[in-house]
PDB file of N, CA and C in Angstrom:
ATOM      1  N   MET A   1      68.102 -76.951-137.897  1.00  0.00           N
ATOM      2  CA  MET A   1      68.542 -77.277-139.327  1.00  0.00           C
ATOM      3  C   MET A   1      70.170 -77.261-139.136  1.00  0.00           C
ATOM      4  N   TYR A   2      70.521 -78.712-139.597  1.00  0.00           N
ATOM      5  CA  TYR A   2      72.239 -79.324-139.544  1.00  0.00           C
ATOM      6  C   TYR A   2      72.602 -79.094-141.082  1.00  0.00           C
ATOM      7  N   GLU A   3      73.893 -78.790-141.200  1.00  0.00           N
ATOM      8  CA  GLU A   3      74.416 -79.275-141.995  1.00  0.00           C
ATOM      9  C   GLU A   3      76.256 -79.396-141.840  1.00  0.00           C
ATOM     10  N   GLY A   4      76.917 -80.494-142.416  1.00  0.00           N
ATOM     11  CA  GLY A   4      77.723 -81.034-141.691  1.00  0.00           C
ATOM     12  C   GLY A   4      78.105 -82.898-142.022  1.00  0.00           C
ATOM     13  N   GLU A   5      79.031 -82.744-141.697  1.00  0.00           N
ATOM     14  CA  GLU A   5      79.094 -84.470-141.929  1.00  0.00           C
ATOM     15  C   GLU A   5      79.093 -85.214-140.924  1.00  0.00           C
ATOM     16  N   TYR A   6      78.328 -86.886-141.545  1.00  0.00           N
ATOM     17  CA  TYR A   6      77.362 -87.744-140.848  1.00  0.00           C
ATOM     18  C   TYR A   6      78.595 -88.785-140.783  1.00  0.00           C
ATOM     19  N   LEU A   7      78.737 -89.794-139.886  1.00  0.00           N
ATOM     20  CA  LEU A   7      79.091 -91.432-139.730  1.00  0.00           C
ATOM     21  C   LEU A   7      78.161 -92.090-139.350  1.00  0.00           C
ATOM     22  N   ASN A   8      77.615 -93.135-140.328  1.00  0.00           N
ATOM     23  CA  ASN A   8      76.520 -94.284-139.234  1.00  0.00           C
ATOM     24  C   ASN A   8      75.470 -93.606-138.951  1.00  0.00           C
ATOM     25  N   GLY A   9      74.929 -92.173-139.305  1.00  0.00           N
ATOM     26  CA  GLY A   9      73.801 -91.438-139.222  1.00  0.00           C
ATOM     27  C   GLY A   9      74.205 -90.958-138.106  1.00  0.00           C
ATOM     28  N   GLU A  10      75.282 -90.451-137.410  1.00  0.00           N
ATOM     29  CA  GLU A  10      75.519 -89.315-136.170  1.00  0.00           C
ATOM     30  C   GLU A  10      76.267 -88.179-137.068  1.00  0.00           C
ATOM     31  N   ARG A  11      75.884 -87.177-136.312  1.00  0.00           N
ATOM     32  CA  ARG A  11      76.838 -86.278-136.771  1.00  0.00           C
ATOM     33  C   ARG A  11      78.827 -86.413-135.859  1.00  0.00           C
ATOM     34  N   ASN A  12      79.320 -86.436-137.154  1.00  0.00           N
ATOM     35  CA  ASN A  12      80.381 -86.431-136.886  1.00  0.00           C
ATOM     36  C   ASN A  12      81.992 -85.551-137.785  1.00  0.00           C
ATOM     37  N   GLY A  13      82.506 -85.143-137.048  1.00  0.00           N
ATOM     38  CA  GLY A  13      83.490 -83.754-137.530  1.00  0.00           C
ATOM     39  C   GLY A  13      82.913 -82.896-137.803  1.00  0.00           C
ATOM     40  N   LYS A  14      83.489 -82.129-138.931  1.00  0.00           N
ATOM     41  CA  LYS A  14      82.321 -80.548-139.056  1.00  0.00           C
ATOM     42  C   LYS A  14      81.863 -80.086-139.425  1.00  0.00           C
ATOM     43  N   GLY A  15      80.098 -79.354-138.490  1.00  0.00           N
ATOM     44  CA  GLY A  15      78.885 -79.116-138.720  1.00  0.00           C
ATOM     45  C   GLY A  15      78.495 -77.981-138.297  1.00  0.00           C
ATOM     46  N   LYS A  16      77.549 -77.333-138.868  1.00  0.00           N
ATOM     47  CA  LYS A  16      77.011 -76.045-138.278  1.00  0.00           C
ATOM     48  C   LYS A  16      75.634 -76.329-138.607  1.00  0.00           C
ATOM     49  N   LYS A  17      75.334 -75.582-136.980  1.00  0.00           N
ATOM     50  CA  LYS A  17      73.918 -75.751-136.640  1.00  0.00           C
ATOM     51  C   LYS A  17      72.609 -74.855-136.662  1.00  0.00           C
ATOM     52  N   TYR A  18      72.171 -74.296-136.991  1.00  0.00           N
ATOM     53  CA  TYR A  18      70.999 -73.143-137.299  1.00  0.00           C
ATOM     54  C   TYR A  18      70.181 -72.914-136.458  1.00  0.00           C
ATOM     55  N   HIS A  19      69.562 -71.706-135.725  1.00  0.00           N
ATOM     56  CA  HIS A  19      68.711 -71.587-134.867  1.00  0.00           C
ATOM     57  C   HIS A  19      67.306 -71.538-135.851  1.00  0.00           C
ATOM     58  N   SER A  20      67.752 -70.668-137.028  1.00  0.00           N
ATOM     59  CA  SER A  20      66.214 -71.183-137.876  1.00  0.00           C
ATOM     60  C   SER A  20      67.289 -70.919-139.546  1.00  0.00           C
ATOM     61  N   LYS A  21      66.512 -71.100-139.827  1.00  0.00           N
ATOM     62  CA  LYS A  21      67.240 -70.638-141.605  1.00  0.00           C
ATOM     63  C   LYS A  21      68.319 -70.145-141.830  1.00  0.00           C
ATOM     64  N   ASP A  22      69.019 -68.648-141.626  1.00  0.00           N
ATOM     65  CA  ASP A  22      69.911 -68.218-142.053  1.00  0.00           C
ATOM     66  C   ASP A  22      70.602 -67.644-140.291  1.00  0.00           C
ATOM     67  N   ILE A  23      70.507 -68.311-139.430  1.00  0.00           N
ATOM     68  CA  ILE A  23      70.926 -67.396-137.745  1.00  0.00           C
ATOM     69  C   ILE A  23      71.566 -68.786-137.526  1.00  0.00           C
ATOM     70  N   LEU A  24      73.253 -68.728-137.852  1.00  0.00           N
ATOM     71  CA  LEU A  24      73.820 -69.644-137.040  1.00  0.00           C
ATOM     72  C   LEU A  24      74.087 -69.592-135.851  1.00  0.00           C
ATOM     73  N   GLU A  25      73.669 -70.881-135.271  1.00  0.00           N
ATOM     74  CA  GLU A  25      73.734 -71.469-133.624  1.00  0.00           C
ATOM     75  C   GLU A  25      74.826 -71.752-133.057  1.00  0.00           C
ATOM     76  N   PHE A  26      75.882 -72.689-133.930  1.00  0.00           N
ATOM     77  CA  PHE A  26      76.775 -73.527-133.586  1.00  0.00           C
ATOM     78  C   PHE A  26      77.542 -73.685-135.192  1.00  0.00           C
ATOM     79  N   GLU A  27      78.766 -73.912-134.822  1.00  0.00           N
ATOM     80  CA  GLU A  27      79.737 -74.515-135.918  1.00  0.00           C
ATOM     81  C   GLU A  27      81.283 -74.779-134.422  1.00  0.00           C
ATOM     82  N   GLY A  28      80.958 -76.007-135.696  1.00  0.00           N
ATOM     83  CA  GLY A  28      82.544 -76.907-134.663  1.00  0.00           C
ATOM     84  C   GLY A  28      81.897 -78.649-134.969  1.00  0.00           C
ATOM     85  N   GLU A  29      82.760 -79.532-134.876  1.00  0.00           N
ATOM     86  CA  GLU A  29      83.092 -80.466-134.403  1.00  0.00           C
ATOM     87  C   GLU A  29      82.272 -81.059-133.669  1.00  0.00           C
ATOM     88  N   TYR A  30      81.976 -81.961-134.165  1.00  0.00           N
ATOM     89  CA  TYR A  30      81.230 -83.793-133.684  1.00  0.00           C
ATOM     90  C   TYR A  30      82.113 -84.461-133.293  1.00  0.00           C
ATOM     91  N   LEU A  31      82.190 -85.396-132.506  1.00  0.00           N
ATOM     92  CA  LEU A  31      81.992 -86.718-132.264  1.00  0.00           C
ATOM     93  C   LEU A  31      80.824 -88.071-132.230  1.00  0.00           C
ATOM     94  N   ASN A  32      80.656 -88.958-132.824  1.00  0.00           N
ATOM     95  CA  ASN A  32      79.669 -90.019-131.906  1.00  0.00           C
ATOM     96  C   ASN A  32      78.467 -89.075-132.083  1.00  0.00           C
ATOM     97  N   GLY A  33      78.470 -88.237-132.840  1.00  0.00           N
ATOM     98  CA  GLY A  33      76.702 -87.519-132.164  1.00  0.00           C
ATOM     99  C   GLY A  33      76.873 -86.284-131.106  1.00  0.00           C
ATOM    100  N   LYS A  34      77.624 -85.944-130.744  1.00  0.00           N
ATOM    101  CA  LYS A  34      78.160 -84.766-129.651  1.00  0.00           C
ATOM    102  C   LYS A  34      78.979 -83.732-129.665  1.00  0.00           C
ATOM    103  N   LYS A  35      78.824 -82.416-129.788  1.00  0.00           N
ATOM    104  CA  LYS A  35      80.295 -81.446-129.650  1.00  0.00           C
ATOM    105  C   LYS A  35      81.482 -82.390-129.161  1.00  0.00           C
ATOM    106  N   ASN A  36      82.482 -81.780-129.715  1.00  0.00           N
ATOM    107  CA  ASN A  36      83.528 -82.674-129.575  1.00  0.00           C
ATOM    108  C   ASN A  36      84.845 -81.652-130.434  1.00  0.00           C
ATOM    109  N   GLY A  37      85.315 -81.199-130.130  1.00  0.00           N
ATOM    110  CA  GLY A  37      86.805 -80.741-130.355  1.00  0.00           C
ATOM    111  C   GLY A  37      86.392 -78.693-130.459  1.00  0.00           C
ATOM    112  N   GLN A  38      87.411 -78.010-131.094  1.00  0.00           N
ATOM    113  CA  GLN A  38      86.753 -76.755-131.313  1.00  0.00           C
ATOM    114  C   GLN A  38      85.697 -76.290-131.885  1.00  0.00           C
ATOM    115  N   ALA A  39      85.016 -75.392-131.105  1.00  0.00           N
ATOM    116  CA  ALA A  39      83.450 -74.624-131.733  1.00  0.00           C
ATOM    117  C   ALA A  39      83.483 -73.490-131.085  1.00  0.00           C
ATOM    118  N   LYS A  40      82.257 -72.722-131.841  1.00  0.00           N
ATOM    119  CA  LYS A  40      81.936 -71.567-131.474  1.00  0.00           C
ATOM    120  C   LYS A  40      80.626 -71.324-131.591  1.00  0.00           C
ATOM    121  N   GLU A  41      79.952 -70.824-130.723  1.00  0.00           N
ATOM    122  CA  GLU A  41      78.157 -70.919-130.669  1.00  0.00           C
ATOM    123  C   GLU A  41      77.622 -69.091-130.373  1.00  0.00           C
ATOM    124  N   TYR A  42      76.651 -68.595-131.267  1.00  0.00           N
ATOM    125  CA  TYR A  42      75.828 -67.386-131.655  1.00  0.00           C
ATOM    126  C   TYR A  42      74.609 -67.468-130.128  1.00  0.00           C
ATOM    127  N   ASP A  43      74.019 -66.410-130.199  1.00  0.00           N
ATOM    128  CA  ASP A  43      72.985 -66.276-129.797  1.00  0.00           C
ATOM    129  C   ASP A  43      71.866 -65.827-131.085  1.00  0.00           C
ATOM    130  N   TYR A  44      70.253 -65.327-131.270  1.00  0.00           N
ATOM    131  CA  TYR A  44      69.675 -65.597-131.742  1.00  0.00           C
ATOM    132  C   TYR A  44      69.746 -64.791-132.285  1.00  0.00           C
ATOM    133  N   ASP A  45      71.173 -63.446-132.273  1.00  0.00           N
ATOM    134  CA  ASP A  45      71.013 -61.911-133.114  1.00  0.00           C
ATOM    135  C   ASP A  45      72.011 -62.245-133.658  1.00  0.00           C
ATOM    136  N   GLY A  46      72.614 -63.775-133.946  1.00  0.00           N
ATOM    137  CA  GLY A  46      74.157 -63.756-134.399  1.00  0.00           C
ATOM    138  C   GLY A  46      75.304 -62.805-133.940  1.00  0.00           C
ATOM    139  N   ASN A  47      75.332 -62.406-132.199  1.00  0.00           N
ATOM    140  CA  ASN A  47      76.800 -62.486-132.185  1.00  0.00           C
ATOM    141  C   ASN A  47      76.933 -63.719-130.874  1.00  0.00           C
ATOM    142  N   LEU A  48      78.703 -63.964-130.602  1.00  0.00           N
ATOM    143  CA  LEU A  48      79.274 -64.698-130.098  1.00  0.00           C
ATOM    144  C   LEU A  48      79.083 -64.802-129.311  1.00  0.00           C
ATOM    145  N   ILE A  49      78.578 -66.174-128.362  1.00  0.00           N
ATOM    146  CA  ILE A  49      78.627 -65.906-126.876  1.00  0.00           C
ATOM    147  C   ILE A  49      79.244 -67.195-125.889  1.00  0.00           C
ATOM    148  N   PHE A  50      80.192 -68.165-127.141  1.00  0.00           N
ATOM    149  CA  PHE A  50      81.159 -68.965-126.287  1.00  0.00           C
ATOM    150  C   PHE A  50      82.163 -69.866-127.471  1.00  0.00           C
ATOM    151  N   GLU A  51      83.526 -69.482-127.381  1.00  0.00           N
ATOM    152  CA  GLU A  51      84.103 -69.897-128.276  1.00  0.00           C
ATOM    153  C   GLU A  51      85.122 -70.568-127.286  1.00  0.00           C
ATOM    154  N   GLY A  52      85.333 -72.294-127.902  1.00  0.00           N
ATOM    155  CA  GLY A  52      86.585 -72.905-127.315  1.00  0.00           C
ATOM    156  C   GLY A  52      85.998 -74.399-127.635  1.00  0.00           C
ATOM    157  N   GLU A  53      86.358 -75.291-126.547  1.00  0.00           N
ATOM    158  CA  GLU A  53      86.609 -76.623-126.894  1.00  0.00           C
ATOM    159  C   GLU A  53      85.543 -77.114-126.037  1.00  0.00           C
ATOM    160  N   TYR A  54      85.016 -78.273-126.796  1.00  0.00           N
ATOM    161  CA  TYR A  54      84.030 -79.636-126.270  1.00  0.00           C
ATOM    162  C   TYR A  54      84.501 -80.558-125.999  1.00  0.00           C
ATOM    163  N   LEU A  55      84.116 -81.202-125.010  1.00  0.00           N
ATOM    164  CA  LEU A  55      84.587 -82.586-124.612  1.00  0.00           C
ATOM    165  C   LEU A  55      83.428 -83.664-124.115  1.00  0.00           C
ATOM    166  N   TYR A  56      83.277 -84.941-125.515  1.00  0.00           N
ATOM    167  CA  TYR A  56      82.049 -85.353-125.461  1.00  0.00           C
ATOM    168  C   TYR A  56      80.787 -84.439-125.194  1.00  0.00           C
ATOM    169  N   GLY A  57      80.370 -83.324-125.352  1.00  0.00           N
ATOM    170  CA  GLY A  57      79.312 -83.263-125.467  1.00  0.00           C
ATOM    171  C   GLY A  57      78.997 -81.840-124.156  1.00  0.00           C
ATOM    172  N   HIS A  58      80.216 -81.528-123.382  1.00  0.00           N
ATOM    173  CA  HIS A  58      79.672 -80.612-122.814  1.00  0.00           C
ATOM    174  C   HIS A  58      81.408 -79.693-122.444  1.00  0.00           C
ATOM    175  N   LYS A  59      81.094 -78.528-122.152  1.00  0.00           N
ATOM    176  CA  LYS A  59      82.039 -77.409-122.567  1.00  0.00           C
ATOM    177  C   LYS A  59      83.576 -77.467-121.728  1.00  0.00           C
ATOM    178  N   ARG A  60      84.467 -77.560-122.267  1.00  0.00           N
ATOM    179  CA  ARG A  60      85.807 -78.029-121.449  1.00  0.00           C
ATOM    180  C   ARG A  60      86.736 -76.740-120.931  1.00  0.00           C
ATOM    181  N   LYS A  61      86.914 -76.229-121.939  1.00  0.00           N
ATOM    182  CA  LYS A  61      87.476 -74.813-121.657  1.00  0.00           C
ATOM    183  C   LYS A  61      87.210 -74.006-123.429  1.00  0.00           C
ATOM    184  N   GLY A  62      87.523 -72.390-122.544  1.00  0.00           N
ATOM    185  CA  GLY A  62      87.144 -71.575-123.576  1.00  0.00           C
ATOM    186  C   GLY A  62      86.605 -70.134-122.927  1.00  0.00           C
ATOM    187  N   LYS A  63      85.929 -68.884-123.790  1.00  0.00           N
ATOM    188  CA  LYS A  63      85.386 -67.885-123.233  1.00  0.00           C
ATOM    189  C   LYS A  63      84.251 -67.525-123.497  1.00  0.00           C
ATOM    190  N   GLU A  64      82.932 -66.999-122.795  1.00  0.00           N
ATOM    191  CA  GLU A  64      82.378 -67.038-122.620  1.00  0.00           C
ATOM    192  C   GLU A  64      81.542 -65.425-123.229  1.00  0.00           C
ATOM    193  N   TYR A  65      81.139 -64.844-123.724  1.00  0.00           N
ATOM    194  CA  TYR A  65      80.255 -63.228-123.668  1.00  0.00           C
ATOM    195  C   TYR A  65      79.383 -63.371-123.957  1.00  0.00           C
ATOM    196  N   ILE A  66      79.028 -61.860-123.155  1.00  0.00           N
ATOM    197  CA  ILE A  66      77.769 -61.148-123.149  1.00  0.00           C
ATOM    198  C   ILE A  66      77.506 -59.897-123.823  1.00  0.00           C
ATOM    199  N   ASN A  67      76.639 -59.743-124.965  1.00  0.00           N
ATOM    200  CA  ASN A  67      76.860 -58.587-125.778  1.00  0.00           C
ATOM    201  C   ASN A  67      77.875 -58.276-126.475  1.00  0.00           C
ATOM    202  N   GLY A  68      78.981 -59.208-126.585  1.00  0.00           N
ATOM    203  CA  GLY A  68      79.860 -58.821-127.811  1.00  0.00           C
ATOM    204  C   GLY A  68      81.240 -59.108-126.888  1.00  0.00           C
ATOM    205  N   ASN A  69      81.264 -58.645-124.836  1.00  0.00           N
ATOM    206  CA  ASN A  69      82.036 -58.551-124.047  1.00  0.00           C
ATOM    207  C   ASN A  69      82.351 -59.818-123.250  1.00  0.00           C
ATOM    208  N   LEU A  70      83.709 -59.867-123.422  1.00  0.00           N
ATOM    209  CA  LEU A  70      84.420 -61.439-122.622  1.00  0.00           C
ATOM    210  C   LEU A  70      83.957 -61.124-121.052  1.00  0.00           C
ATOM    211  N   GLU A  71      82.864 -62.308-120.956  1.00  0.00           N
ATOM    212  CA  GLU A  71      82.522 -62.307-119.128  1.00  0.00           C
ATOM    213  C   GLU A  71      83.331 -63.167-118.463  1.00  0.00           C
ATOM    214  N   TYR A  72      84.020 -64.467-119.254  1.00  0.00           N
ATOM    215  CA  TYR A  72      84.412 -65.071-118.370  1.00  0.00           C
ATOM    216  C   TYR A  72      85.093 -66.456-119.084  1.00  0.00           C
ATOM    217  N   GLU A  73      86.613 -66.682-118.751  1.00  0.00           N
ATOM    218  CA  GLU A  73      87.721 -67.555-119.457  1.00  0.00           C
ATOM    219  C   GLU A  73      87.578 -68.254-118.874  1.00  0.00           C
ATOM    220  N   GLY A  74      88.449 -69.221-119.375  1.00  0.00           N
ATOM    221  CA  GLY A  74      88.944 -70.567-118.181  1.00  0.00           C
ATOM    222  C   GLY A  74      88.022 -72.262-118.430  1.00  0.00           C
ATOM    223  N   GLU A  75      88.262 -72.808-117.141  1.00  0.00           N
ATOM    224  CA  GLU A  75      87.951 -74.130-117.876  1.00  0.00           C
ATOM    225  C   GLU A  75      86.657 -74.534-117.408  1.00  0.00           C
ATOM    226  N   PHE A  76      85.724 -75.591-117.963  1.00  0.00           N
ATOM    227  CA  PHE A  76      84.271 -75.989-117.343  1.00  0.00           C
ATOM    228  C   PHE A  76      84.067 -76.981-116.904  1.00  0.00           C
ATOM    229  N   LEU A  77      83.369 -77.627-115.765  1.00  0.00           N
ATOM    230  CA  LEU A  77      83.234 -79.091-115.366  1.00  0.00           C
ATOM    231  C   LEU A  77      81.787 -78.798-115.331  1.00  0.00           C
ATOM    232  N   PHE A  78      81.445 -80.062-116.796  1.00  0.00           N
ATOM    233  CA  PHE A  78      80.017 -80.702-116.841  1.00  0.00           C
ATOM    234  C   PHE A  78      79.545 -79.026-117.749  1.00  0.00           C
ATOM    235  N   ASP A  79      80.349 -78.338-118.654  1.00  0.00           N
ATOM    236  CA  ASP A  79      79.500 -76.594-118.821  1.00  0.00           C
ATOM    237  C   ASP A  79      79.074 -75.790-117.423  1.00  0.00           C
ATOM    238  N   ARG A  80      79.504 -76.522-116.236  1.00  0.00           N
ATOM    239  CA  ARG A  80      79.703 -75.083-115.225  1.00  0.00           C
ATOM    240  C   ARG A  80      80.932 -74.469-115.202  1.00  0.00           C
ATOM    241  N   LYS A  81      80.849 -73.029-114.545  1.00  0.00           N
ATOM    242  CA  LYS A  81      82.370 -72.497-114.691  1.00  0.00           C
ATOM    243  C   LYS A  81      83.072 -73.716-114.020  1.00  0.00           C
ATOM    244  N   TRP A  82      84.604 -74.140-113.905  1.00  0.00           N
ATOM    245  CA  TRP A  82      85.109 -74.114-112.915  1.00  0.00           C
ATOM    246  C   TRP A  82      86.646 -73.446-112.449  1.00  0.00           C
ATOM    247  N   ASP A  83      87.232 -73.592-113.009  1.00  0.00           N
ATOM    248  CA  ASP A  83      88.635 -72.882-113.018  1.00  0.00           C
ATOM    249  C   ASP A  83      88.796 -71.489-114.202  1.00  0.00           C
ATOM    250  N   GLY A  84      88.818 -70.338-113.864  1.00  0.00           N
ATOM    251  CA  GLY A  84      89.175 -69.311-114.378  1.00  0.00           C
ATOM    252  C   GLY A  84      89.436 -68.189-113.833  1.00  0.00           C
ATOM    253  N   LYS A  85      88.594 -67.369-114.233  1.00  0.00           N
ATOM    254  CA  LYS A  85      88.397 -65.472-114.331  1.00  0.00           C
ATOM    255  C   LYS A  85      86.774 -65.109-114.859  1.00  0.00           C
ATOM    256  N   GLY A  86      86.561 -64.253-114.100  1.00  0.00           N
ATOM    257  CA  GLY A  86      84.959 -63.334-114.565  1.00  0.00           C
ATOM    258  C   GLY A  86      85.727 -61.777-115.056  1.00  0.00           C
ATOM    259  N   TYR A  87      84.762 -61.735-115.476  1.00  0.00           N
ATOM    260  CA  TYR A  87      85.008 -59.916-116.358  1.00  0.00           C
ATOM    261  C   TYR A  87      83.995 -58.858-116.087  1.00  0.00           C
ATOM    262  N   ASP A  88      84.305 -57.432-115.883  1.00  0.00           N
ATOM    263  CA  ASP A  88      83.299 -56.851-116.326  1.00  0.00           C
ATOM    264  C   ASP A  88      83.005 -56.475-117.606  1.00  0.00           C
ATOM    265  N   LEU A  89      82.233 -54.876-117.740  1.00  0.00           N
ATOM    266  CA  LEU A  89      82.295 -54.689-119.119  1.00  0.00           C
ATOM    267  C   LEU A  89      83.566 -54.249-120.016  1.00  0.00           C
ATOM    268  N   ASN A  90      84.647 -53.899-118.611  1.00  0.00           N
ATOM    269  CA  ASN A  90      85.959 -52.729-118.933  1.00  0.00           C
ATOM    270  C   ASN A  90      86.390 -53.617-119.287  1.00  0.00           C
ATOM    271  N   GLY A  91      86.682 -54.797-118.832  1.00  0.00           N
ATOM    272  CA  GLY A  91      87.313 -56.114-118.938  1.00  0.00           C
ATOM    273  C   GLY A  91      88.206 -56.176-117.559  1.00  0.00           C
ATOM    274  N   ASN A  92      87.893 -55.616-116.866  1.00  0.00           N
ATOM    275  CA  ASN A  92      88.675 -56.217-115.283  1.00  0.00           C
ATOM    276  C   ASN A  92      87.845 -57.223-114.348  1.00  0.00           C
ATOM    277  N   ILE A  93      88.881 -57.770-114.194  1.00  0.00           N
ATOM    278  CA  ILE A  93      88.667 -59.535-113.527  1.00  0.00           C
ATOM    279  C   ILE A  93      87.805 -59.337-112.495  1.00  0.00           C
ATOM    280  N   ILE A  94      87.080 -59.515-111.834  1.00  0.00           N
ATOM    281  CA  ILE A  94      85.774 -59.224-110.929  1.00  0.00           C
ATOM    282  C   ILE A  94      85.848 -60.165-109.959  1.00  0.00           C
ATOM    283  N   TYR A  95      86.092 -62.135-110.420  1.00  0.00           N
ATOM    284  CA  TYR A  95      86.374 -62.988-109.462  1.00  0.00           C
ATOM    285  C   TYR A  95      87.428 -63.651-110.344  1.00  0.00           C
ATOM    286  N   GLU A  96      87.669 -64.372-109.408  1.00  0.00           N
ATOM    287  CA  GLU A  96      88.428 -65.907-110.078  1.00  0.00           C
ATOM    288  C   GLU A  96      88.092 -67.249-109.355  1.00  0.00           C
ATOM    289  N   LEU A  97      87.847 -68.570-109.845  1.00  0.00           N
ATOM    290  CA  LEU A  97      87.712 -69.387-109.897  1.00  0.00           C
ATOM    291  C   LEU A  97      88.886 -70.945-109.527  1.00  0.00           C
ATOM    292  N   ASN A  98      89.140 -71.151-108.483  1.00  0.00           N
ATOM    293  CA  ASN A  98      90.125 -72.067-108.794  1.00  0.00           C
ATOM    294  C   ASN A  98      89.660 -73.031-107.763  1.00  0.00           C
ATOM    295  N   ASN A  99      89.014 -74.198-108.197  1.00  0.00           N
ATOM    296  CA  ASN A  99      88.110 -75.577-107.909  1.00  0.00           C
ATOM    297  C   ASN A  99      89.583 -76.648-107.719  1.00  0.00           C
ATOM    298  N   VAL A 100      90.281 -76.561-108.304  1.00  0.00           N
ATOM    299  CA  VAL A 100      91.057 -77.533-108.299  1.00  0.00           C
ATOM    300  C   VAL A 100      91.325 -77.566-107.160  1.00  0.00           C
ATOM    301  N   LYS A 101      92.298 -76.665-107.140  1.00  0.00           N
ATOM    302  CA  LYS A 101      92.846 -76.234-105.452  1.00  0.00           C
ATOM    303  C   LYS A 101      92.128 -76.216-103.978  1.00  0.00           C
ATOM    304  N   ALA A 102      91.323 -76.150-104.762  1.00  0.00           N
ATOM    305  CA  ALA A 102      89.811 -76.054-103.123  1.00  0.00           C
ATOM    306  C   ALA A 102      89.985 -77.474-103.357  1.00  0.00           C
ATOM    307  N   LEU A 103      89.502 -78.416-104.339  1.00  0.00           N
ATOM    308  CA  LEU A 103      89.247 -79.763-104.394  1.00  0.00           C
ATOM    309  C   LEU A 103      90.758 -80.312-103.876  1.00  0.00           C
ATOM    310  N   LEU A 104      91.410 -80.493-104.370  1.00  0.00           N
ATOM    311  CA  LEU A 104      92.865 -81.016-103.663  1.00  0.00           C
ATOM    312  C   LEU A 104      92.838 -80.672-102.469  1.00  0.00           C
ATOM    313  N   LYS A 105      92.138 -79.597-101.832  1.00  0.00           N
ATOM    314  CA  LYS A 105      93.331 -79.284-100.518  1.00  0.00           C
ATOM    315  C   LYS A 105      91.885 -80.482 -99.991  1.00  0.00           C
ATOM    316  N   ASN A 106      91.094 -80.097-100.080  1.00  0.00           N
ATOM    317  CA  ASN A 106      90.095 -81.010 -99.235  1.00  0.00           C
ATOM    318  C   ASN A 106      90.013 -82.205 -99.102  1.00  0.00           C
ATOM    319  N   MET A 107      90.923 -82.938-100.020  1.00  0.00           N
ATOM    320  CA  MET A 107      90.457 -84.440-100.244  1.00  0.00           C
ATOM    321  C   MET A 107      91.913 -84.708 -99.147  1.00  0.00           C
ATOM    322  N   ARG A 108      92.998 -83.688 -99.257  1.00  0.00           N
ATOM    323  CA  ARG A 108      94.502 -83.822 -98.394  1.00  0.00           C
ATOM    324  C   ARG A 108      93.775 -84.048 -97.092  1.00  0.00           C
ATOM    325  N   MET A 109      92.602 -83.391 -96.832  1.00  0.00           N
ATOM    326  CA  MET A 109      92.076 -83.347 -95.340  1.00  0.00           C
ATOM    327  C   MET A 109      91.461 -84.807 -94.913  1.00  0.00           C
ATOM    328  N   ILE A 110      90.866 -85.612 -95.991  1.00  0.00           N
ATOM    329  CA  ILE A 110      90.018 -86.241 -95.861  1.00  0.00           C
ATOM    330  C   ILE A 110      90.568 -87.130 -95.511  1.00  0.00           C
ATOM    331  N   TYR A 111      91.424 -87.491 -95.876  1.00  0.00           N
ATOM    332  CA  TYR A 111      92.632 -88.897 -96.435  1.00  0.00           C
ATOM    333  C   TYR A 111      94.136 -88.502 -95.116  1.00  0.00           C
TER     334      TYR A 111
END
C-alpha cells in the first residue's frame, strides 16, 4: 500500500509505502516513480534499516542498521556499499571501503 503525492500517474514528492496495513516500509521522496531524495526504510518489525539519500531509485549515501545497530555509514554505488565504514555491535570500525581512490589509481595505471 502507498500513500503520498502523485504526478501524471507516478509517485512524485513525499510518500509512504507499507509492508502491510500498519507496518511502514518506506517514507521519503519520489521523482517520476523512483525513490529520489531523503528517505527512511524499515523492516517488518518496524526497525529502522536505512536512512539517507536515494538518487534515481538507488541508494546514494546514508546509514544501514541491523537490529537497531549502525552497521555501515557511507556512500553507495547502485545500492552496493562503495565508500564508507562498517561497524561491529559495539560501534567499533571493522572495515573501511575506499573504492574511489582505488578506481582513480587503476585509471592512472591504464593511461
